[in-house]
Amino acid sequence: MLEVGLRNDVYRRPLATALDRLGLREGWVCADVGAGGGDVTVALAKIVGRDGRVYAVDSDPRRRDEVAAAAAGAAQAQVVALTQAAEELTLPEPVDLAYCRFVLLHVVDPSRVLARMRAAVRPGGWVVAQEPVTSAGRIDGAPMLMPGARDPDVGARLPALVRGCDLELVDSWAEAPAWSGPGPVADYLGAMTELDPGDDPIVLPPLVTVVARRPVTRRES
């Protein structure tokens, strides 16, 4: 399986599976929508190499410096930071892959974001989205909550949302890290919620991954 270099990210395995599924390789042009601090951006840049390019897109202008610092630290020259809302995604060139994670649960209209991602990729290009089903997470058997999200369970609708944007659904699955006691899962939960689960068993929210493709029409073939 492809190694994406996110060893401290408890959700790295579904990302690696998705990138392996679509065959990400050197020379690709990608967009990381909702790039945040740039961890996934840098991981993608390491795979596509200096002949490829990654656009790191985030609505927070402060993220531009974070992404630039992360890219410089990893010696990746092919990272371009853009300050844009996901709903208004506009890229300088068509990309091979448009990717987002933990973005759609925060926006007013997830379908609009997916439609913009579809428009951003070349015909035959890929759209990968990863979103949670938050209420399916458990701490000592009790459901998890994410009151700050507009749609914390958007992952449950993600395959249908993708199909509704005229994307070909290629693969889709859900995966949830589980743990008990100290460790990366407890640390991740603490970072997300400021809760200390102690030794209580944890099941983080299942992350629904959708791998989709923009169809090629006769005119574009």
C-alpha atoms as a PDB file:
ATOM      1  CA  MET A   1       0.000   0.000   0.000  1.00  0.00           C
ATOM      2  CA  LEU A   2       1.084   3.568  -0.668  1.00  0.00           C
ATOM      3  CA  GLU A   3       2.741   5.257   2.329  1.00  0.00           C
ATOM      4  CA  VAL A   4       1.476   8.826   2.707  1.00  0.00           C
ATOM      5  CA  GLY A   5       3.831   9.845   5.500  1.00  0.00           C
ATOM      6  CA  LEU A   6       1.173  10.823   8.054  1.00  0.00           C
ATOM      7  CA  ARG A   7       2.325   8.622  10.910  1.00  0.00           C
ATOM      8  CA  ASN A   8       0.640  10.706  13.627  1.00  0.00           C
ATOM      9  CA  ASP A   9      -2.678  10.876  11.770  1.00  0.00           C
ATOM     10  CA  VAL A  10      -5.027   8.147  12.982  1.00  0.00           C
ATOM     11  CA  TYR A  11      -7.064   8.440   9.770  1.00  0.00           C
ATOM     12  CA  ARG A  12      -4.029   8.022   7.488  1.00  0.00           C
ATOM     13  CA  ARG A  13      -4.907   4.442   6.475  1.00  0.00           C
ATOM     14  CA  PRO A  14      -8.144   5.259   4.597  1.00  0.00           C
ATOM     15  CA  LEU A  15      -6.304   8.098   2.825  1.00  0.00           C
ATOM     16  CA  ALA A  16      -3.478   5.763   1.795  1.00  0.00           C
ATOM     17  CA  THR A  17      -6.043   3.200   0.586  1.00  0.00           C
ATOM     18  CA  ALA A  18      -7.827   5.826  -1.513  1.00  0.00           C
ATOM     19  CA  LEU A  19      -4.637   7.170  -3.103  1.00  0.00           C
ATOM     20  CA  ASP A  20      -3.472   3.632  -3.825  1.00  0.00           C
ATOM     21  CA  ARG A  21      -6.881   2.836  -5.344  1.00  0.00           C
ATOM     22  CA  LEU A  22      -6.648   5.672  -7.884  1.00  0.00           C
ATOM     23  CA  GLY A  23      -2.942   5.198  -8.613  1.00  0.00           C
ATOM     24  CA  LEU A  24      -1.515   8.562  -7.503  1.00  0.00           C
ATOM     25  CA  ARG A  25       2.028   8.877  -8.817  1.00  0.00           C
ATOM     26  CA  GLU A  26       4.805  11.263  -9.774  1.00  0.00           C
ATOM     27  CA  GLY A  27       3.909  14.164 -12.040  1.00  0.00           C
ATOM     28  CA  TRP A  28       0.268  14.519 -10.977  1.00  0.00           C
ATOM     29  CA  VAL A  29      -1.336  17.898 -10.306  1.00  0.00           C
ATOM     30  CA  CYS A  30      -3.508  17.860  -7.167  1.00  0.00           C
ATOM     31  CA  ALA A  31      -5.659  20.165  -5.054  1.00  0.00           C
ATOM     32  CA  ASP A  32      -5.993  19.773  -1.288  1.00  0.00           C
ATOM     33  CA  VAL A  33      -9.238  21.617  -0.513  1.00  0.00           C
ATOM     34  CA  GLY A  34      -9.417  22.780   3.093  1.00  0.00           C
ATOM     35  CA  ALA A  35      -5.686  22.222   3.484  1.00  0.00           C
ATOM     36  CA  GLY A  36      -5.396  23.547   7.034  1.00  0.00           C
ATOM     37  CA  GLY A  37      -1.799  23.394   8.236  1.00  0.00           C
ATOM     38  CA  GLY A  38      -0.725  21.513   5.137  1.00  0.00           C
ATOM     39  CA  ASP A  39       0.037  18.015   6.451  1.00  0.00           C
ATOM     40  CA  VAL A  40      -1.889  16.247   3.690  1.00  0.00           C
ATOM     41  CA  THR A  41      -0.641  18.784   1.139  1.00  0.00           C
ATOM     42  CA  VAL A  42       2.978  17.939   1.947  1.00  0.00           C
ATOM     43  CA  ALA A  43       2.219  14.201   1.917  1.00  0.00           C
ATOM     44  CA  LEU A  44       0.720  14.547  -1.569  1.00  0.00           C
ATOM     45  CA  ALA A  45       3.665  16.673  -2.719  1.00  0.00           C
ATOM     46  CA  LYS A  46       6.126  14.003  -1.640  1.00  0.00           C
ATOM     47  CA  ILE A  47       4.306  11.476  -3.819  1.00  0.00           C
ATOM     48  CA  VAL A  48       3.861  13.616  -6.950  1.00  0.00           C
ATOM     49  CA  GLY A  49       7.446  14.868  -6.723  1.00  0.00           C
ATOM     50  CA  ARG A  50       9.023  17.941  -8.263  1.00  0.00           C
ATOM     51  CA  ASP A  51       7.444  17.239 -11.641  1.00  0.00           C
ATOM     52  CA  GLY A  52       4.013  17.431 -10.023  1.00  0.00           C
ATOM     53  CA  ARG A  53       2.186  20.213  -8.227  1.00  0.00           C
ATOM     54  CA  VAL A  54      -0.190  20.565  -5.263  1.00  0.00           C
ATOM     55  CA  TYR A  55      -2.552  23.481  -4.722  1.00  0.00           C
ATOM     56  CA  ALA A  56      -3.234  23.957  -1.003  1.00  0.00           C
ATOM     57  CA  VAL A  57      -6.605  25.710  -0.743  1.00  0.00           C
ATOM     58  CA  ASP A  58      -8.003  27.132   2.502  1.00  0.00           C
ATOM     59  CA  SER A  59     -10.396  29.946   3.359  1.00  0.00           C
ATOM     60  CA  ASP A  60      -8.229  31.158   6.253  1.00  0.00           C
ATOM     61  CA  PRO A  61      -5.477  33.475   4.931  1.00  0.00           C
ATOM     62  CA  ARG A  62      -3.316  32.626   7.946  1.00  0.00           C
ATOM     63  CA  ARG A  63      -3.057  29.080   6.653  1.00  0.00           C
ATOM     64  CA  ARG A  64      -1.001  30.259   3.672  1.00  0.00           C
ATOM     65  CA  ASP A  65       2.045  30.825   5.894  1.00  0.00           C
ATOM     66  CA  GLU A  66       1.519  27.497   7.694  1.00  0.00           C
ATOM     67  CA  VAL A  67       1.373  25.599   4.419  1.00  0.00           C
ATOM     68  CA  ALA A  68       4.409  27.442   3.066  1.00  0.00           C
ATOM     69  CA  ALA A  69       6.394  26.626   6.207  1.00  0.00           C
ATOM     70  CA  ALA A  70       5.369  22.970   6.100  1.00  0.00           C
ATOM     71  CA  ALA A  71       6.271  22.700   2.419  1.00  0.00           C
ATOM     72  CA  ALA A  72       9.623  24.439   2.931  1.00  0.00           C
ATOM     73  CA  GLY A  73      10.442  22.130   5.823  1.00  0.00           C
ATOM     74  CA  ALA A  74       9.796  19.124   3.626  1.00  0.00           C
ATOM     75  CA  ALA A  75      11.760  20.652   0.711  1.00  0.00           C
ATOM     76  CA  GLN A  76       8.739  20.545  -1.597  1.00  0.00           C
ATOM     77  CA  ALA A  77       8.946  23.278  -4.231  1.00  0.00           C
ATOM     78  CA  GLN A  78       5.725  22.340  -6.021  1.00  0.00           C
ATOM     79  CA  VAL A  79       3.227  23.539  -3.398  1.00  0.00           C
ATOM     80  CA  VAL A  80       1.063  26.584  -4.222  1.00  0.00           C
ATOM     81  CA  ALA A  81      -1.084  28.014  -1.396  1.00  0.00           C
ATOM     82  CA  LEU A  82      -4.391  29.661  -2.361  1.00  0.00           C
ATOM     83  CA  THR A  83      -6.802  31.513  -0.066  1.00  0.00           C
ATOM     84  CA  GLN A  84     -10.276  30.508  -1.244  1.00  0.00           C
ATOM     85  CA  ALA A  85     -13.507  29.227   0.228  1.00  0.00           C
ATOM     86  CA  ALA A  86     -14.221  25.662  -0.859  1.00  0.00           C
ATOM     87  CA  GLU A  87     -17.567  26.798  -2.272  1.00  0.00           C
ATOM     88  CA  GLU A  88     -15.726  29.167  -4.640  1.00  0.00           C
ATOM     89  CA  LEU A  89     -12.896  26.839  -5.674  1.00  0.00           C
ATOM     90  CA  THR A  90     -11.194  28.144  -8.828  1.00  0.00           C
ATOM     91  CA  LEU A  91      -7.783  26.811  -9.861  1.00  0.00           C
ATOM     92  CA  PRO A  92      -5.274  28.090 -12.434  1.00  0.00           C
ATOM     93  CA  GLU A  93      -5.297  24.761 -14.303  1.00  0.00           C
ATOM     94  CA  PRO A  94      -7.210  21.474 -14.431  1.00  0.00           C
ATOM     95  CA  VAL A  95      -5.963  18.978 -11.849  1.00  0.00           C
ATOM     96  CA  ASP A  96      -5.703  15.204 -11.805  1.00  0.00           C
ATOM     97  CA  LEU A  97      -7.033  14.941  -8.238  1.00  0.00           C
ATOM     98  CA  ALA A  98      -9.190  17.177  -6.030  1.00  0.00           C
ATOM     99  CA  TYR A  99      -9.235  16.037  -2.408  1.00  0.00           C
ATOM    100  CA  CYS A 100     -10.995  17.143   0.778  1.00  0.00           C
ATOM    101  CA  ARG A 101     -11.321  15.818   4.325  1.00  0.00           C
ATOM    102  CA  PHE A 102     -13.361  17.169   7.260  1.00  0.00           C
ATOM    103  CA  VAL A 103     -14.550  20.056   5.060  1.00  0.00           C
ATOM    104  CA  LEU A 104     -18.111  19.249   3.987  1.00  0.00           C
ATOM    105  CA  LEU A 105     -19.387  18.910   7.569  1.00  0.00           C
ATOM    106  CA  HIS A 106     -18.649  22.624   8.071  1.00  0.00           C
ATOM    107  CA  VAL A 107     -20.107  24.178   4.892  1.00  0.00           C
ATOM    108  CA  VAL A 108     -23.638  25.348   4.113  1.00  0.00           C
ATOM    109  CA  ASP A 109     -23.926  23.427   0.834  1.00  0.00           C
ATOM    110  CA  PRO A 110     -21.724  20.305   0.487  1.00  0.00           C
ATOM    111  CA  SER A 111     -23.036  19.682  -3.031  1.00  0.00           C
ATOM    112  CA  ARG A 112     -21.708  23.034  -4.190  1.00  0.00           C
ATOM    113  CA  VAL A 113     -18.221  22.172  -2.932  1.00  0.00           C
ATOM    114  CA  LEU A 114     -18.288  18.781  -4.659  1.00  0.00           C
ATOM    115  CA  ALA A 115     -19.510  20.423  -7.874  1.00  0.00           C
ATOM    116  CA  ARG A 116     -16.611  22.899  -7.735  1.00  0.00           C
ATOM    117  CA  MET A 117     -14.192  20.033  -7.162  1.00  0.00           C
ATOM    118  CA  ARG A 118     -15.657  18.196 -10.144  1.00  0.00           C
ATOM    119  CA  ALA A 119     -15.225  21.296 -12.300  1.00  0.00           C
ATOM    120  CA  ALA A 120     -11.612  21.629 -11.123  1.00  0.00           C
ATOM    121  CA  VAL A 121     -10.477  18.196 -12.311  1.00  0.00           C
ATOM    122  CA  ARG A 122      -9.740  17.250 -15.895  1.00  0.00           C
ATOM    123  CA  PRO A 123     -12.147  14.870 -17.693  1.00  0.00           C
ATOM    124  CA  GLY A 124     -11.308  11.432 -16.331  1.00  0.00           C
ATOM    125  CA  GLY A 125      -9.730  13.025 -13.240  1.00  0.00           C
ATOM    126  CA  TRP A 126     -10.411  12.032  -9.649  1.00  0.00           C
ATOM    127  CA  VAL A 127     -12.353  13.469  -6.720  1.00  0.00           C
ATOM    128  CA  VAL A 128     -11.718  11.990  -3.270  1.00  0.00           C
ATOM    129  CA  ALA A 129     -13.759  13.141  -0.266  1.00  0.00           C
ATOM    130  CA  GLN A 130     -13.540  11.907   3.328  1.00  0.00           C
ATOM    131  CA  GLU A 131     -16.178  12.939   5.870  1.00  0.00           C
ATOM    132  CA  PRO A 132     -17.280  11.559   9.255  1.00  0.00           C
ATOM    133  CA  VAL A 133     -20.425  10.074  10.702  1.00  0.00           C
ATOM    134  CA  THR A 134     -19.791  11.764  14.040  1.00  0.00           C
ATOM    135  CA  SER A 135     -22.723  10.348  15.996  1.00  0.00           C
ATOM    136  CA  ALA A 136     -21.494   6.805  15.261  1.00  0.00           C
ATOM    137  CA  GLY A 137     -18.339   7.483  17.299  1.00  0.00           C
ATOM    138  CA  ARG A 138     -18.315   6.198  20.868  1.00  0.00           C
ATOM    139  CA  ILE A 139     -16.629   7.012  24.172  1.00  0.00           C
ATOM    140  CA  ASP A 140     -17.314   4.230  26.685  1.00  0.00           C
ATOM    141  CA  GLY A 141     -20.358   3.348  24.580  1.00  0.00           C
ATOM    142  CA  ALA A 142     -21.867   6.851  24.541  1.00  0.00           C
ATOM    143  CA  PRO A 143     -22.393   8.624  21.184  1.00  0.00           C
ATOM    144  CA  MET A 144     -20.006  11.427  20.278  1.00  0.00           C
ATOM    145  CA  LEU A 145     -21.157  14.948  19.504  1.00  0.00           C
ATOM    146  CA  MET A 146     -19.666  17.731  17.369  1.00  0.00           C
ATOM    147  CA  PRO A 147     -21.858  20.758  18.120  1.00  0.00           C
ATOM    148  CA  GLY A 148     -19.692  23.151  16.089  1.00  0.00           C
ATOM    149  CA  ALA A 149     -20.343  21.343  12.787  1.00  0.00           C
ATOM    150  CA  ARG A 150     -23.213  22.249  10.455  1.00  0.00           C
ATOM    151  CA  ASP A 151     -23.700  18.627   9.384  1.00  0.00           C
ATOM    152  CA  PRO A 152     -21.666  16.308  11.644  1.00  0.00           C
ATOM    153  CA  ASP A 153     -23.057  13.168   9.974  1.00  0.00           C
ATOM    154  CA  VAL A 154     -22.573  14.282   6.362  1.00  0.00           C
ATOM    155  CA  GLY A 155     -20.448  11.190   5.744  1.00  0.00           C
ATOM    156  CA  ALA A 156     -23.595   9.065   5.807  1.00  0.00           C
ATOM    157  CA  ARG A 157     -24.836  10.939   2.723  1.00  0.00           C
ATOM    158  CA  LEU A 158     -21.498  11.319   0.983  1.00  0.00           C
ATOM    159  CA  PRO A 159     -21.852   8.614  -1.712  1.00  0.00           C
ATOM    160  CA  ALA A 160     -25.257  10.000  -2.741  1.00  0.00           C
ATOM    161  CA  LEU A 161     -23.955  13.581  -2.733  1.00  0.00           C
ATOM    162  CA  VAL A 162     -21.097  12.577  -5.035  1.00  0.00           C
ATOM    163  CA  ARG A 163     -23.404  10.815  -7.476  1.00  0.00           C
ATOM    164  CA  GLY A 164     -25.710  13.826  -7.441  1.00  0.00           C
ATOM    165  CA  CYS A 165     -22.837  15.966  -8.763  1.00  0.00           C
ATOM    166  CA  ASP A 166     -22.473  13.843 -11.923  1.00  0.00           C
ATOM    167  CA  LEU A 167     -19.400  12.014 -10.664  1.00  0.00           C
ATOM    168  CA  GLU A 168     -18.832   8.322 -11.269  1.00  0.00           C
ATOM    169  CA  LEU A 169     -18.726   6.510  -7.929  1.00  0.00           C
ATOM    170  CA  VAL A 170     -15.739   4.147  -8.160  1.00  0.00           C
ATOM    171  CA  ASP A 171     -15.321   3.041  -4.529  1.00  0.00           C
ATOM    172  CA  SER A 172     -16.641   3.944  -1.088  1.00  0.00           C
ATOM    173  CA  TRP A 173     -16.185   2.606   2.438  1.00  0.00           C
ATOM    174  CA  ALA A 174     -16.143   3.607   6.119  1.00  0.00           C
ATOM    175  CA  GLU A 175     -13.320   3.067   8.598  1.00  0.00           C
ATOM    176  CA  ALA A 176     -13.019   3.988  12.278  1.00  0.00           C
ATOM    177  CA  PRO A 177      -9.942   3.859  14.534  1.00  0.00           C
ATOM    178  CA  ALA A 178     -10.584   2.263  17.947  1.00  0.00           C
ATOM    179  CA  TRP A 179      -8.501   2.234  21.129  1.00  0.00           C
ATOM    180  CA  SER A 180      -8.408   2.030  24.911  1.00  0.00           C
ATOM    181  CA  GLY A 181      -6.010   3.869  27.212  1.00  0.00           C
ATOM    182  CA  PRO A 182      -3.153   6.223  26.259  1.00  0.00           C
ATOM    183  CA  GLY A 183      -2.126   6.328  22.615  1.00  0.00           C
ATOM    184  CA  PRO A 184      -2.633   8.121  19.317  1.00  0.00           C
ATOM    185  CA  VAL A 185      -6.410   7.673  19.230  1.00  0.00           C
ATOM    186  CA  ALA A 186      -6.823   9.190  22.703  1.00  0.00           C
ATOM    187  CA  ASP A 187      -4.456  12.011  21.733  1.00  0.00           C
ATOM    188  CA  TYR A 188      -6.479  12.690  18.579  1.00  0.00           C
ATOM    189  CA  LEU A 189      -9.737  12.741  20.553  1.00  0.00           C
ATOM    190  CA  GLY A 190      -8.201  15.172  23.021  1.00  0.00           C
ATOM    191  CA  ALA A 191      -7.063  17.465  20.222  1.00  0.00           C
ATOM    192  CA  MET A 192     -10.545  17.439  18.642  1.00  0.00           C
ATOM    193  CA  THR A 193     -12.701  17.737  21.756  1.00  0.00           C
ATOM    194  CA  GLU A 194     -10.405  18.560  24.710  1.00  0.00           C
ATOM    195  CA  LEU A 195     -11.821  15.452  26.413  1.00  0.00           C
ATOM    196  CA  ASP A 196      -9.636  13.039  28.363  1.00  0.00           C
ATOM    197  CA  PRO A 197     -11.141   9.557  27.931  1.00  0.00           C
ATOM    198  CA  GLY A 198      -8.804   7.992  30.497  1.00  0.00           C
ATOM    199  CA  ASP A 199      -9.002   4.218  30.049  1.00  0.00           C
ATOM    200  CA  ASP A 200     -12.498   4.288  28.550  1.00  0.00           C
ATOM    201  CA  PRO A 201     -12.802   2.478  25.204  1.00  0.00           C
ATOM    202  CA  ILE A 202     -12.900   4.827  22.204  1.00  0.00           C
ATOM    203  CA  VAL A 203     -14.268   4.389  18.702  1.00  0.00           C
ATOM    204  CA  LEU A 204     -13.620   7.526  16.688  1.00  0.00           C
ATOM    205  CA  PRO A 205     -16.264   8.628  14.178  1.00  0.00           C
ATOM    206  CA  PRO A 206     -16.234   6.396  11.092  1.00  0.00           C
ATOM    207  CA  LEU A 207     -14.675   8.257   8.185  1.00  0.00           C
ATOM    208  CA  VAL A 208     -16.545   7.632   4.933  1.00  0.00           C
ATOM    209  CA  THR A 209     -14.168   7.706   1.970  1.00  0.00           C
ATOM    210  CA  VAL A 210     -15.507   8.196  -1.538  1.00  0.00           C
ATOM    211  CA  VAL A 211     -13.336   7.713  -4.611  1.00  0.00           C
ATOM    212  CA  ALA A 212     -15.044   9.195  -7.670  1.00  0.00           C
ATOM    213  CA  ARG A 213     -14.153  10.136 -11.219  1.00  0.00           C
ATOM    214  CA  ARG A 214     -15.281  12.867 -13.589  1.00  0.00           C
ATOM    215  CA  PRO A 215     -16.773  11.128 -16.633  1.00  0.00           C
ATOM    216  CA  VAL A 216     -15.274  11.705 -20.057  1.00  0.00           C
ATOM    217  CA  THR A 217     -17.862  12.811 -22.596  1.00  0.00           C
ATOM    218  CA  ARG A 218     -17.584  12.102 -26.319  1.00  0.00           C
ATOM    219  CA  ARG A 219     -16.657  15.714 -26.950  1.00  0.00           C
ATOM    220  CA  GLU A 220     -13.815  15.475 -24.419  1.00  0.00           C
ATOM    221  CA  SER A 221     -12.492  12.062 -25.484  1.00  0.00           C
END
